[in-house]
PDB file of N, CA and C in Angstrom:
ATOM      1  N   MET A   1       9.751  20.503  -7.227  1.00  0.00           N
ATOM      2  CA  MET A   1      10.147  19.517  -8.193  1.00  0.00           C
ATOM      3  C   MET A   1       9.527  19.600  -9.476  1.00  0.00           C
ATOM      4  N   GLN A   2      10.491  19.476 -10.615  1.00  0.00           N
ATOM      5  CA  GLN A   2       9.767  19.148 -11.877  1.00  0.00           C
ATOM      6  C   GLN A   2      10.207  18.127 -12.275  1.00  0.00           C
ATOM      7  N   LEU A   3       8.768  17.556 -13.108  1.00  0.00           N
ATOM      8  CA  LEU A   3       8.689  15.735 -13.328  1.00  0.00           C
ATOM      9  C   LEU A   3       9.842  16.355 -14.936  1.00  0.00           C
ATOM     10  N   ARG A   4      10.624  15.343 -14.586  1.00  0.00           N
ATOM     11  CA  ARG A   4      11.469  15.191 -16.214  1.00  0.00           C
ATOM     12  C   ARG A   4      10.998  13.297 -16.525  1.00  0.00           C
ATOM     13  N   ARG A   5      11.527  13.583 -17.214  1.00  0.00           N
ATOM     14  CA  ARG A   5      11.595  11.913 -18.420  1.00  0.00           C
ATOM     15  C   ARG A   5      12.346  10.951 -16.945  1.00  0.00           C
ATOM     16  N   CYS A   6      13.468  11.274 -16.834  1.00  0.00           N
ATOM     17  CA  CYS A   6      13.968  10.552 -15.637  1.00  0.00           C
ATOM     18  C   CYS A   6      13.378  10.125 -13.880  1.00  0.00           C
ATOM     19  N   HIS A   7      12.159  10.756 -14.295  1.00  0.00           N
ATOM     20  CA  HIS A   7      11.385  10.662 -12.791  1.00  0.00           C
ATOM     21  C   HIS A   7      10.095   9.823 -13.040  1.00  0.00           C
ATOM     22  N   THR A   8      10.071   9.498 -14.397  1.00  0.00           N
ATOM     23  CA  THR A   8       9.087   8.422 -14.351  1.00  0.00           C
ATOM     24  C   THR A   8       9.278   7.338 -14.737  1.00  0.00           C
ATOM     25  N   LEU A   9       7.966   6.080 -14.647  1.00  0.00           N
ATOM     26  CA  LEU A   9       8.517   4.881 -14.716  1.00  0.00           C
ATOM     27  C   LEU A   9       7.856   4.773 -16.082  1.00  0.00           C
ATOM     28  N   LYS A  10       8.429   4.074 -17.583  1.00  0.00           N
ATOM     29  CA  LYS A  10       7.541   4.135 -18.715  1.00  0.00           C
ATOM     30  C   LYS A  10       7.626   2.331 -18.914  1.00  0.00           C
ATOM     31  N   ARG A  11       8.413   1.697 -18.415  1.00  0.00           N
ATOM     32  CA  ARG A  11       8.320   0.018 -19.071  1.00  0.00           C
ATOM     33  C   ARG A  11       7.272  -0.696 -18.004  1.00  0.00           C
ATOM     34  N   THR A  12       6.965  -1.523 -19.010  1.00  0.00           N
ATOM     35  CA  THR A  12       6.079  -2.791 -18.146  1.00  0.00           C
ATOM     36  C   THR A  12       6.759  -2.912 -17.109  1.00  0.00           C
ATOM     37  N   ARG A  13       7.807  -3.541 -17.477  1.00  0.00           N
ATOM     38  CA  ARG A  13       8.653  -4.399 -16.462  1.00  0.00           C
ATOM     39  C   ARG A  13       8.715  -3.615 -15.075  1.00  0.00           C
ATOM     40  N   GLU A  14       9.355  -2.184 -15.369  1.00  0.00           N
ATOM     41  CA  GLU A  14       9.485  -1.518 -13.970  1.00  0.00           C
ATOM     42  C   GLU A  14       7.488  -1.421 -12.870  1.00  0.00           C
ATOM     43  N   PHE A  15       6.680  -1.247 -13.786  1.00  0.00           N
ATOM     44  CA  PHE A  15       5.534  -1.508 -13.225  1.00  0.00           C
ATOM     45  C   PHE A  15       5.413  -2.665 -12.609  1.00  0.00           C
ATOM     46  N   SER A  16       5.493  -3.909 -13.619  1.00  0.00           N
ATOM     47  CA  SER A  16       5.370  -5.581 -12.493  1.00  0.00           C
ATOM     48  C   SER A  16       6.287  -5.381 -11.724  1.00  0.00           C
ATOM     49  N   TYR A  17       7.740  -5.141 -11.750  1.00  0.00           N
ATOM     50  CA  TYR A  17       8.275  -5.211 -10.334  1.00  0.00           C
ATOM     51  C   TYR A  17       7.901  -4.399  -9.378  1.00  0.00           C
ATOM     52  N   VAL A  18       7.624  -3.196  -9.429  1.00  0.00           N
ATOM     53  CA  VAL A  18       6.869  -2.418  -8.097  1.00  0.00           C
ATOM     54  C   VAL A  18       5.852  -3.078  -8.048  1.00  0.00           C
ATOM     55  N   ARG A  19       4.584  -3.680  -8.852  1.00  0.00           N
ATOM     56  CA  ARG A  19       3.678  -4.770  -7.848  1.00  0.00           C
ATOM     57  C   ARG A  19       3.897  -5.966  -7.434  1.00  0.00           C
ATOM     58  N   ALA A  20       4.985  -6.428  -7.953  1.00  0.00           N
ATOM     59  CA  ALA A  20       5.290  -7.499  -7.519  1.00  0.00           C
ATOM     60  C   ALA A  20       5.926  -8.197  -6.065  1.00  0.00           C
ATOM     61  N   VAL A  21       7.350  -6.600  -5.990  1.00  0.00           N
ATOM     62  CA  VAL A  21       8.111  -6.692  -5.030  1.00  0.00           C
ATOM     63  C   VAL A  21       7.498  -5.802  -3.774  1.00  0.00           C
ATOM     64  N   GLY A  22       7.094  -4.681  -4.550  1.00  0.00           N
ATOM     65  CA  GLY A  22       7.140  -3.367  -3.403  1.00  0.00           C
ATOM     66  C   GLY A  22       5.815  -3.933  -2.410  1.00  0.00           C
ATOM     67  N   ASP A  23       5.666  -2.571  -1.425  1.00  0.00           N
ATOM     68  CA  ASP A  23       4.652  -2.501  -0.496  1.00  0.00           C
ATOM     69  C   ASP A  23       3.554  -1.700  -0.978  1.00  0.00           C
ATOM     70  N   SER A  24       2.467  -2.086  -0.553  1.00  0.00           N
ATOM     71  CA  SER A  24       1.501  -0.993  -1.161  1.00  0.00           C
ATOM     72  C   SER A  24       0.786  -0.592   0.141  1.00  0.00           C
ATOM     73  N   CYS A  25      -0.139   0.540  -0.132  1.00  0.00           N
ATOM     74  CA  CYS A  25      -1.008   1.026   1.068  1.00  0.00           C
ATOM     75  C   CYS A  25      -1.964   1.544   0.288  1.00  0.00           C
ATOM     76  N   ALA A  26      -3.084   1.562   0.129  1.00  0.00           N
ATOM     77  CA  ALA A  26      -4.164   2.037  -0.631  1.00  0.00           C
ATOM     78  C   ALA A  26      -5.007   3.215   0.843  1.00  0.00           C
ATOM     79  N   GLY A  27      -5.693   3.942  -0.062  1.00  0.00           N
ATOM     80  CA  GLY A  27      -6.427   5.379   0.411  1.00  0.00           C
ATOM     81  C   GLY A  27      -7.849   5.489  -0.320  1.00  0.00           C
ATOM     82  N   ARG A  28      -8.564   6.386  -0.551  1.00  0.00           N
ATOM     83  CA  ARG A  28      -9.537   6.551  -0.511  1.00  0.00           C
ATOM     84  C   ARG A  28      -9.471   6.335  -1.979  1.00  0.00           C
ATOM     85  N   TYR A  29      -8.775   7.453  -2.945  1.00  0.00           N
ATOM     86  CA  TYR A  29      -8.722   7.518  -4.055  1.00  0.00           C
ATOM     87  C   TYR A  29      -7.280   6.879  -5.035  1.00  0.00           C
ATOM     88  N   PHE A  30      -6.663   6.343  -4.159  1.00  0.00           N
ATOM     89  CA  PHE A  30      -5.175   5.812  -4.703  1.00  0.00           C
ATOM     90  C   PHE A  30      -4.827   4.794  -4.021  1.00  0.00           C
ATOM     91  N   VAL A  31      -4.118   3.328  -4.949  1.00  0.00           N
ATOM     92  CA  VAL A  31      -3.435   2.974  -4.281  1.00  0.00           C
ATOM     93  C   VAL A  31      -1.918   2.962  -4.546  1.00  0.00           C
ATOM     94  N   LEU A  32      -1.340   3.237  -3.540  1.00  0.00           N
ATOM     95  CA  LEU A  32       0.183   3.429  -3.837  1.00  0.00           C
ATOM     96  C   LEU A  32       1.157   2.675  -3.062  1.00  0.00           C
ATOM     97  N   SER A  33       1.966   1.914  -4.307  1.00  0.00           N
ATOM     98  CA  SER A  33       2.655   1.241  -4.164  1.00  0.00           C
ATOM     99  C   SER A  33       4.454   1.361  -4.398  1.00  0.00           C
ATOM    100  N   SER A  34       5.459   0.935  -3.575  1.00  0.00           N
ATOM    101  CA  SER A  34       6.788   1.504  -3.815  1.00  0.00           C
ATOM    102  C   SER A  34       7.578   0.376  -3.583  1.00  0.00           C
ATOM    103  N   ALA A  35       8.675   0.066  -4.224  1.00  0.00           N
ATOM    104  CA  ALA A  35       9.950  -0.446  -4.189  1.00  0.00           C
ATOM    105  C   ALA A  35      11.236   0.040  -4.472  1.00  0.00           C
ATOM    106  N   PRO A  36      12.102  -0.738  -3.930  1.00  0.00           N
ATOM    107  CA  PRO A  36      13.510   0.051  -4.105  1.00  0.00           C
ATOM    108  C   PRO A  36      14.077  -0.181  -5.388  1.00  0.00           C
ATOM    109  N   ILE A  37      14.649   0.622  -6.005  1.00  0.00           N
ATOM    110  CA  ILE A  37      15.356   0.647  -7.746  1.00  0.00           C
ATOM    111  C   ILE A  37      16.308  -0.810  -7.125  1.00  0.00           C
ATOM    112  N   PRO A  38      16.158  -1.804  -8.048  1.00  0.00           N
ATOM    113  CA  PRO A  38      17.199  -2.705  -8.292  1.00  0.00           C
ATOM    114  C   PRO A  38      18.522  -2.566  -7.981  1.00  0.00           C
ATOM    115  N   VAL A  39      19.164  -1.887  -8.834  1.00  0.00           N
ATOM    116  CA  VAL A  39      20.800  -1.482  -9.056  1.00  0.00           C
ATOM    117  C   VAL A  39      20.859  -0.791  -7.367  1.00  0.00           C
ATOM    118  N   VAL A  40      21.736  -1.993  -6.699  1.00  0.00           N
ATOM    119  CA  VAL A  40      21.533  -1.414  -5.413  1.00  0.00           C
ATOM    120  C   VAL A  40      22.969  -0.648  -5.474  1.00  0.00           C
ATOM    121  N   GLN A  41      24.128  -0.173  -6.463  1.00  0.00           N
ATOM    122  CA  GLN A  41      25.230   0.897  -6.232  1.00  0.00           C
ATOM    123  C   GLN A  41      24.477   2.046  -6.202  1.00  0.00           C
ATOM    124  N   PHE A  42      23.526   2.186  -7.357  1.00  0.00           N
ATOM    125  CA  PHE A  42      23.065   3.416  -7.874  1.00  0.00           C
ATOM    126  C   PHE A  42      21.791   4.083  -7.266  1.00  0.00           C
ATOM    127  N   ALA A  43      21.292   3.170  -6.399  1.00  0.00           N
ATOM    128  CA  ALA A  43      19.978   3.435  -5.860  1.00  0.00           C
ATOM    129  C   ALA A  43      20.013   4.303  -4.659  1.00  0.00           C
ATOM    130  N   GLU A  44      20.456   4.719  -4.401  1.00  0.00           N
ATOM    131  CA  GLU A  44      20.735   5.643  -3.062  1.00  0.00           C
ATOM    132  C   GLU A  44      20.907   7.068  -3.625  1.00  0.00           C
ATOM    133  N   SER A  45      21.636   7.559  -4.935  1.00  0.00           N
ATOM    134  CA  SER A  45      21.770   8.611  -5.183  1.00  0.00           C
ATOM    135  C   SER A  45      21.052   9.108  -6.279  1.00  0.00           C
ATOM    136  N   GLU A  46      20.053   8.064  -6.983  1.00  0.00           N
ATOM    137  CA  GLU A  46      19.264   8.308  -7.935  1.00  0.00           C
ATOM    138  C   GLU A  46      17.921   8.921  -7.321  1.00  0.00           C
ATOM    139  N   PRO A  47      17.208   9.623  -8.127  1.00  0.00           N
ATOM    140  CA  PRO A  47      15.911  10.461  -7.663  1.00  0.00           C
ATOM    141  C   PRO A  47      14.727   9.235  -7.957  1.00  0.00           C
ATOM    142  N   SER A  48      13.861   9.424  -6.712  1.00  0.00           N
ATOM    143  CA  SER A  48      12.425   8.344  -7.112  1.00  0.00           C
ATOM    144  C   SER A  48      12.041   8.773  -8.476  1.00  0.00           C
ATOM    145  N   ARG A  49      11.218   7.784  -8.508  1.00  0.00           N
ATOM    146  CA  ARG A  49      10.878   7.523 -10.129  1.00  0.00           C
ATOM    147  C   ARG A  49       9.218   7.334 -10.032  1.00  0.00           C
ATOM    148  N   PHE A  50       8.058   7.714 -10.405  1.00  0.00           N
ATOM    149  CA  PHE A  50       6.771   7.672 -10.101  1.00  0.00           C
ATOM    150  C   PHE A  50       6.045   6.827 -11.587  1.00  0.00           C
ATOM    151  N   GLY A  51       4.999   5.907 -11.438  1.00  0.00           N
ATOM    152  CA  GLY A  51       4.281   5.953 -12.165  1.00  0.00           C
ATOM    153  C   GLY A  51       3.064   5.911 -12.270  1.00  0.00           C
ATOM    154  N   ILE A  52       2.172   6.193 -12.964  1.00  0.00           N
ATOM    155  CA  ILE A  52       0.602   6.560 -13.158  1.00  0.00           C
ATOM    156  C   ILE A  52      -0.200   5.533 -13.713  1.00  0.00           C
ATOM    157  N   ILE A  53      -1.074   5.155 -13.077  1.00  0.00           N
ATOM    158  CA  ILE A  53      -1.889   3.764 -13.601  1.00  0.00           C
ATOM    159  C   ILE A  53      -3.362   4.502 -13.529  1.00  0.00           C
ATOM    160  N   VAL A  54      -4.256   4.587 -14.586  1.00  0.00           N
ATOM    161  CA  VAL A  54      -5.619   5.113 -14.876  1.00  0.00           C
ATOM    162  C   VAL A  54      -5.856   4.014 -16.040  1.00  0.00           C
ATOM    163  N   THR A  55      -6.808   3.114 -15.324  1.00  0.00           N
ATOM    164  CA  THR A  55      -7.296   2.456 -15.890  1.00  0.00           C
ATOM    165  C   THR A  55      -9.012   2.920 -16.824  1.00  0.00           C
ATOM    166  N   LYS A  56      -8.988   2.252 -17.645  1.00  0.00           N
ATOM    167  CA  LYS A  56     -10.027   2.585 -18.949  1.00  0.00           C
ATOM    168  C   LYS A  56     -11.782   2.205 -18.183  1.00  0.00           C
ATOM    169  N   ARG A  57     -11.139   1.555 -17.045  1.00  0.00           N
ATOM    170  CA  ARG A  57     -12.720   1.376 -16.167  1.00  0.00           C
ATOM    171  C   ARG A  57     -13.240   2.848 -15.543  1.00  0.00           C
ATOM    172  N   ILE A  58     -12.442   3.595 -15.593  1.00  0.00           N
ATOM    173  CA  ILE A  58     -12.643   4.791 -14.701  1.00  0.00           C
ATOM    174  C   ILE A  58     -13.065   5.982 -15.861  1.00  0.00           C
ATOM    175  N   GLY A  59     -13.230   5.810 -16.762  1.00  0.00           N
ATOM    176  CA  GLY A  59     -13.891   6.850 -17.907  1.00  0.00           C
ATOM    177  C   GLY A  59     -13.256   7.171 -19.105  1.00  0.00           C
ATOM    178  N   CYS A  60     -13.558   7.804 -19.993  1.00  0.00           N
ATOM    179  CA  CYS A  60     -13.336   8.278 -21.062  1.00  0.00           C
ATOM    180  C   CYS A  60     -12.215   9.010 -21.141  1.00  0.00           C
ATOM    181  N   ALA A  61     -11.140   8.987 -22.333  1.00  0.00           N
ATOM    182  CA  ALA A  61      -9.666   9.456 -21.927  1.00  0.00           C
ATOM    183  C   ALA A  61      -9.755  11.020 -21.440  1.00  0.00           C
ATOM    184  N   VAL A  62     -10.567  11.423 -21.907  1.00  0.00           N
ATOM    185  CA  VAL A  62     -10.443  13.044 -21.915  1.00  0.00           C
ATOM    186  C   VAL A  62     -10.431  13.073 -19.956  1.00  0.00           C
ATOM    187  N   LEU A  63     -11.529  12.202 -19.459  1.00  0.00           N
ATOM    188  CA  LEU A  63     -11.405  12.066 -17.699  1.00  0.00           C
ATOM    189  C   LEU A  63      -9.866  11.436 -17.292  1.00  0.00           C
ATOM    190  N   ARG A  64      -9.727  10.457 -17.909  1.00  0.00           N
ATOM    191  CA  ARG A  64      -8.512   9.925 -17.689  1.00  0.00           C
ATOM    192  C   ARG A  64      -7.046  10.727 -17.652  1.00  0.00           C
ATOM    193  N   ASN A  65      -6.783  11.502 -18.706  1.00  0.00           N
ATOM    194  CA  ASN A  65      -5.754  12.274 -18.958  1.00  0.00           C
ATOM    195  C   ASN A  65      -5.965  13.994 -18.021  1.00  0.00           C
ATOM    196  N   THR A  66      -7.308  13.978 -17.652  1.00  0.00           N
ATOM    197  CA  THR A  66      -7.455  15.186 -16.631  1.00  0.00           C
ATOM    198  C   THR A  66      -6.878  14.624 -15.449  1.00  0.00           C
ATOM    199  N   LEU A  67      -7.217  13.500 -14.557  1.00  0.00           N
ATOM    200  CA  LEU A  67      -7.011  12.991 -13.618  1.00  0.00           C
ATOM    201  C   LEU A  67      -5.202  12.399 -13.590  1.00  0.00           C
ATOM    202  N   ARG A  68      -4.654  12.388 -14.727  1.00  0.00           N
ATOM    203  CA  ARG A  68      -3.332  12.048 -14.880  1.00  0.00           C
ATOM    204  C   ARG A  68      -2.701  13.392 -14.185  1.00  0.00           C
ATOM    205  N   ARG A  69      -3.031  14.472 -15.420  1.00  0.00           N
ATOM    206  CA  ARG A  69      -2.419  15.883 -14.823  1.00  0.00           C
ATOM    207  C   ARG A  69      -2.517  16.127 -13.424  1.00  0.00           C
ATOM    208  N   ARG A  70      -3.827  15.801 -13.057  1.00  0.00           N
ATOM    209  CA  ARG A  70      -4.173  16.072 -11.308  1.00  0.00           C
ATOM    210  C   ARG A  70      -2.846  15.649 -10.396  1.00  0.00           C
ATOM    211  N   VAL A  71      -2.516  14.395 -11.051  1.00  0.00           N
ATOM    212  CA  VAL A  71      -1.393  13.416 -10.377  1.00  0.00           C
ATOM    213  C   VAL A  71      -0.253  13.881 -10.486  1.00  0.00           C
ATOM    214  N   ARG A  72      -0.030  14.193 -11.740  1.00  0.00           N
ATOM    215  CA  ARG A  72       1.378  15.108 -11.996  1.00  0.00           C
ATOM    216  C   ARG A  72       1.904  16.378 -11.020  1.00  0.00           C
ATOM    217  N   GLU A  73       0.230  17.207 -10.737  1.00  0.00           N
ATOM    218  CA  GLU A  73       0.742  18.203 -10.265  1.00  0.00           C
ATOM    219  C   GLU A  73       1.305  17.753  -8.721  1.00  0.00           C
ATOM    220  N   LEU A  74       0.443  17.168  -8.463  1.00  0.00           N
ATOM    221  CA  LEU A  74       0.529  16.553  -7.052  1.00  0.00           C
ATOM    222  C   LEU A  74       1.834  16.172  -6.541  1.00  0.00           C
ATOM    223  N   LEU A  75       2.633  15.552  -7.593  1.00  0.00           N
ATOM    224  CA  LEU A  75       3.438  14.494  -7.396  1.00  0.00           C
ATOM    225  C   LEU A  75       4.742  15.927  -7.942  1.00  0.00           C
ATOM    226  N   ARG A  76       4.362  17.246  -8.753  1.00  0.00           N
ATOM    227  CA  ARG A  76       5.241  18.372  -8.353  1.00  0.00           C
ATOM    228  C   ARG A  76       5.063  19.050  -7.228  1.00  0.00           C
ATOM    229  N   ALA A  77       4.326  19.082  -6.872  1.00  0.00           N
ATOM    230  CA  ALA A  77       4.022  19.851  -5.404  1.00  0.00           C
ATOM    231  C   ALA A  77       4.653  19.193  -4.464  1.00  0.00           C
ATOM    232  N   TYR A  78       4.486  17.606  -4.059  1.00  0.00           N
ATOM    233  CA  TYR A  78       4.757  17.207  -2.644  1.00  0.00           C
ATOM    234  C   TYR A  78       5.556  15.789  -2.707  1.00  0.00           C
ATOM    235  N   GLY A  79       5.923  15.780  -3.812  1.00  0.00           N
ATOM    236  CA  GLY A  79       6.656  14.536  -4.831  1.00  0.00           C
ATOM    237  C   GLY A  79       8.132  14.716  -3.931  1.00  0.00           C
ATOM    238  N   GLU A  80       8.880  15.678  -3.429  1.00  0.00           N
ATOM    239  CA  GLU A  80      10.334  15.988  -3.233  1.00  0.00           C
ATOM    240  C   GLU A  80      10.602  15.331  -2.076  1.00  0.00           C
ATOM    241  N   PRO A  81       9.715  15.319  -0.745  1.00  0.00           N
ATOM    242  CA  PRO A  81      10.336  14.899   0.567  1.00  0.00           C
ATOM    243  C   PRO A  81      10.416  13.278   0.239  1.00  0.00           C
ATOM    244  N   LEU A  82       9.791  12.571  -0.890  1.00  0.00           N
ATOM    245  CA  LEU A  82      10.216  11.272  -0.823  1.00  0.00           C
ATOM    246  C   LEU A  82      11.679  10.993  -0.460  1.00  0.00           C
ATOM    247  N   LYS A  83      11.792   9.711  -0.120  1.00  0.00           N
ATOM    248  CA  LYS A  83      13.439   8.745   0.139  1.00  0.00           C
ATOM    249  C   LYS A  83      14.064   8.716  -1.354  1.00  0.00           C
ATOM    250  N   LYS A  84      15.161   8.897  -1.721  1.00  0.00           N
ATOM    251  CA  LYS A  84      15.419   8.804  -3.048  1.00  0.00           C
ATOM    252  C   LYS A  84      15.722   7.224  -3.036  1.00  0.00           C
ATOM    253  N   GLY A  85      15.722   6.877  -4.176  1.00  0.00           N
ATOM    254  CA  GLY A  85      16.368   5.331  -4.759  1.00  0.00           C
ATOM    255  C   GLY A  85      14.678   4.531  -4.653  1.00  0.00           C
ATOM    256  N   LEU A  86      13.770   5.032  -5.154  1.00  0.00           N
ATOM    257  CA  LEU A  86      12.206   4.328  -4.943  1.00  0.00           C
ATOM    258  C   LEU A  86      11.549   4.372  -6.055  1.00  0.00           C
ATOM    259  N   TYR A  87      10.788   3.227  -6.576  1.00  0.00           N
ATOM    260  CA  TYR A  87       9.962   3.183  -7.539  1.00  0.00           C
ATOM    261  C   TYR A  87       8.742   3.261  -6.893  1.00  0.00           C
ATOM    262  N   VAL A  88       7.993   4.126  -7.346  1.00  0.00           N
ATOM    263  CA  VAL A  88       6.710   4.625  -6.987  1.00  0.00           C
ATOM    264  C   VAL A  88       5.785   4.323  -7.964  1.00  0.00           C
ATOM    265  N   VAL A  89       4.274   3.958  -7.843  1.00  0.00           N
ATOM    266  CA  VAL A  89       3.264   3.529  -8.568  1.00  0.00           C
ATOM    267  C   VAL A  89       1.974   4.183  -8.288  1.00  0.00           C
ATOM    268  N   LEU A  90       1.229   4.850  -8.586  1.00  0.00           N
ATOM    269  CA  LEU A  90      -0.045   5.300  -8.051  1.00  0.00           C
ATOM    270  C   LEU A  90      -0.822   4.499  -8.907  1.00  0.00           C
ATOM    271  N   LEU A  91      -2.019   3.849  -8.962  1.00  0.00           N
ATOM    272  CA  LEU A  91      -3.246   3.514  -9.261  1.00  0.00           C
ATOM    273  C   LEU A  91      -4.286   4.421  -8.984  1.00  0.00           C
ATOM    274  N   LEU A  92      -4.989   4.882  -9.968  1.00  0.00           N
ATOM    275  CA  LEU A  92      -6.307   5.899  -9.562  1.00  0.00           C
ATOM    276  C   LEU A  92      -7.200   4.587  -9.357  1.00  0.00           C
ATOM    277  N   ARG A  93      -8.008   4.876  -8.155  1.00  0.00           N
ATOM    278  CA  ARG A  93      -9.186   3.971  -8.178  1.00  0.00           C
ATOM    279  C   ARG A  93     -10.130   4.888  -8.737  1.00  0.00           C
ATOM    280  N   GLN A  94     -11.817   4.059  -8.537  1.00  0.00           N
ATOM    281  CA  GLN A  94     -12.756   4.676  -9.789  1.00  0.00           C
ATOM    282  C   GLN A  94     -13.377   5.703  -8.497  1.00  0.00           C
ATOM    283  N   ALA A  95     -13.378   5.907  -7.616  1.00  0.00           N
ATOM    284  CA  ALA A  95     -13.725   7.242  -7.067  1.00  0.00           C
ATOM    285  C   ALA A  95     -13.479   8.435  -7.047  1.00  0.00           C
ATOM    286  N   ALA A  96     -11.879   8.094  -7.789  1.00  0.00           N
ATOM    287  CA  ALA A  96     -11.026   9.775  -7.745  1.00  0.00           C
ATOM    288  C   ALA A  96     -11.583  10.272  -9.195  1.00  0.00           C
ATOM    289  N   ALA A  97     -12.587   9.417 -10.203  1.00  0.00           N
ATOM    290  CA  ALA A  97     -13.058  10.274 -11.112  1.00  0.00           C
ATOM    291  C   ALA A  97     -14.068  11.693 -10.787  1.00  0.00           C
ATOM    292  N   THR A  98     -14.451  11.204  -9.223  1.00  0.00           N
ATOM    293  CA  THR A  98     -15.686  12.177  -8.999  1.00  0.00           C
ATOM    294  C   THR A  98     -15.234  13.264  -7.987  1.00  0.00           C
ATOM    295  N   ALA A  99     -13.949  12.990  -7.363  1.00  0.00           N
ATOM    296  CA  ALA A  99     -13.190  13.653  -6.467  1.00  0.00           C
ATOM    297  C   ALA A  99     -12.719  14.405  -7.140  1.00  0.00           C
ATOM    298  N   ASP A 100     -12.443  15.769  -6.425  1.00  0.00           N
ATOM    299  CA  ASP A 100     -12.139  17.205  -6.640  1.00  0.00           C
ATOM    300  C   ASP A 100     -11.002  17.329  -6.191  1.00  0.00           C
ATOM    301  N   PHE A 101     -10.240  18.254  -6.280  1.00  0.00           N
ATOM    302  CA  PHE A 101      -8.546  18.314  -6.168  1.00  0.00           C
ATOM    303  C   PHE A 101      -8.079  18.630  -4.829  1.00  0.00           C
ATOM    304  N   PRO A 102      -8.640  18.998  -3.821  1.00  0.00           N
ATOM    305  CA  PRO A 102      -8.168  19.000  -2.282  1.00  0.00           C
ATOM    306  C   PRO A 102      -8.402  17.457  -1.761  1.00  0.00           C
ATOM    307  N   ALA A 103      -9.295  17.054  -2.298  1.00  0.00           N
ATOM    308  CA  ALA A 103      -9.879  15.754  -1.518  1.00  0.00           C
ATOM    309  C   ALA A 103      -8.590  14.590  -1.863  1.00  0.00           C
ATOM    310  N   LEU A 104      -8.332  14.596  -3.329  1.00  0.00           N
ATOM    311  CA  LEU A 104      -6.966  13.856  -4.012  1.00  0.00           C
ATOM    312  C   LEU A 104      -5.694  14.456  -3.500  1.00  0.00           C
ATOM    313  N   ARG A 105      -5.967  15.370  -2.963  1.00  0.00           N
ATOM    314  CA  ARG A 105      -4.360  16.110  -2.438  1.00  0.00           C
ATOM    315  C   ARG A 105      -4.136  15.305  -0.695  1.00  0.00           C
ATOM    316  N   LYS A 106      -5.417  15.572   0.199  1.00  0.00           N
ATOM    317  CA  LYS A 106      -5.622  14.990   1.140  1.00  0.00           C
ATOM    318  C   LYS A 106      -5.030  13.289   1.404  1.00  0.00           C
ATOM    319  N   ASP A 107      -5.750  12.772   0.098  1.00  0.00           N
ATOM    320  CA  ASP A 107      -5.233  10.913   0.223  1.00  0.00           C
ATOM    321  C   ASP A 107      -4.105  11.215   0.250  1.00  0.00           C
ATOM    322  N   PHE A 108      -3.342  11.903  -0.914  1.00  0.00           N
ATOM    323  CA  PHE A 108      -2.071  11.575  -1.731  1.00  0.00           C
ATOM    324  C   PHE A 108      -1.228  11.771  -0.317  1.00  0.00           C
ATOM    325  N   LEU A 109      -1.469  12.824   0.322  1.00  0.00           N
ATOM    326  CA  LEU A 109      -0.400  13.314   1.571  1.00  0.00           C
ATOM    327  C   LEU A 109      -0.625  12.185   2.474  1.00  0.00           C
ATOM    328  N   GLY A 110      -2.095  11.627   2.611  1.00  0.00           N
ATOM    329  CA  GLY A 110      -1.762  10.630   3.639  1.00  0.00           C
ATOM    330  C   GLY A 110      -1.127   9.261   3.430  1.00  0.00           C
ATOM    331  N   LEU A 111      -1.119   9.161   2.004  1.00  0.00           N
ATOM    332  CA  LEU A 111      -0.396   7.643   1.911  1.00  0.00           C
ATOM    333  C   LEU A 111       1.310   7.979   2.087  1.00  0.00           C
ATOM    334  N   LEU A 112       1.569   9.647   1.462  1.00  0.00           N
ATOM    335  CA  LEU A 112       2.835   9.131   1.639  1.00  0.00           C
ATOM    336  C   LEU A 112       3.157   9.396   2.764  1.00  0.00           C
ATOM    337  N   ASN A 113       2.595   9.994   3.959  1.00  0.00           N
ATOM    338  CA  ASN A 113       2.846   9.736   5.776  1.00  0.00           C
ATOM    339  C   ASN A 113       3.066   8.361   5.303  1.00  0.00           C
ATOM    340  N   ARG A 114       2.055   7.597   5.155  1.00  0.00           N
ATOM    341  CA  ARG A 114       2.501   5.979   5.448  1.00  0.00           C
ATOM    342  C   ARG A 114       3.594   5.532   4.769  1.00  0.00           C
ATOM    343  N   LEU A 115       3.673   6.360   3.851  1.00  0.00           N
ATOM    344  CA  LEU A 115       4.845   5.507   2.969  1.00  0.00           C
ATOM    345  C   LEU A 115       6.414   5.800   3.329  1.00  0.00           C
ATOM    346  N   ASN A 116       6.513   7.013   4.174  1.00  0.00           N
ATOM    347  CA  ASN A 116       7.485   7.422   4.481  1.00  0.00           C
ATOM    348  C   ASN A 116       7.760   7.183   6.253  1.00  0.00           C
ATOM    349  N   LYS A 117       6.886   6.483   6.628  1.00  0.00           N
ATOM    350  CA  LYS A 117       7.262   5.763   8.003  1.00  0.00           C
ATOM    351  C   LYS A 117       7.690   4.205   7.912  1.00  0.00           C
TER     352      LYS A 117
END
């Protein structure tokens, strides 16, 4: 799956909607929240859209951008089997700053399995 602009959340109200309305599950490195896209007639045909939140508490800009790149790579590799018509927000926890890529992948796949059930 190639991440394009149509696959990402950019607006504050979209993030707020997911955090307010959606369900969330927490792992060691991520908190994954998801909510259905609000427009009902187009929700089933639209691809899922993703948002990544990395707060300044995690570290400097270089570290935050590195973590964003790792998460985008996880979404490219494993985001395809998600149901269509979802907003998905990934909030990175402080422990993600010291985690290696295989540990991030394991946690991400565990959260996706919980989300798909």
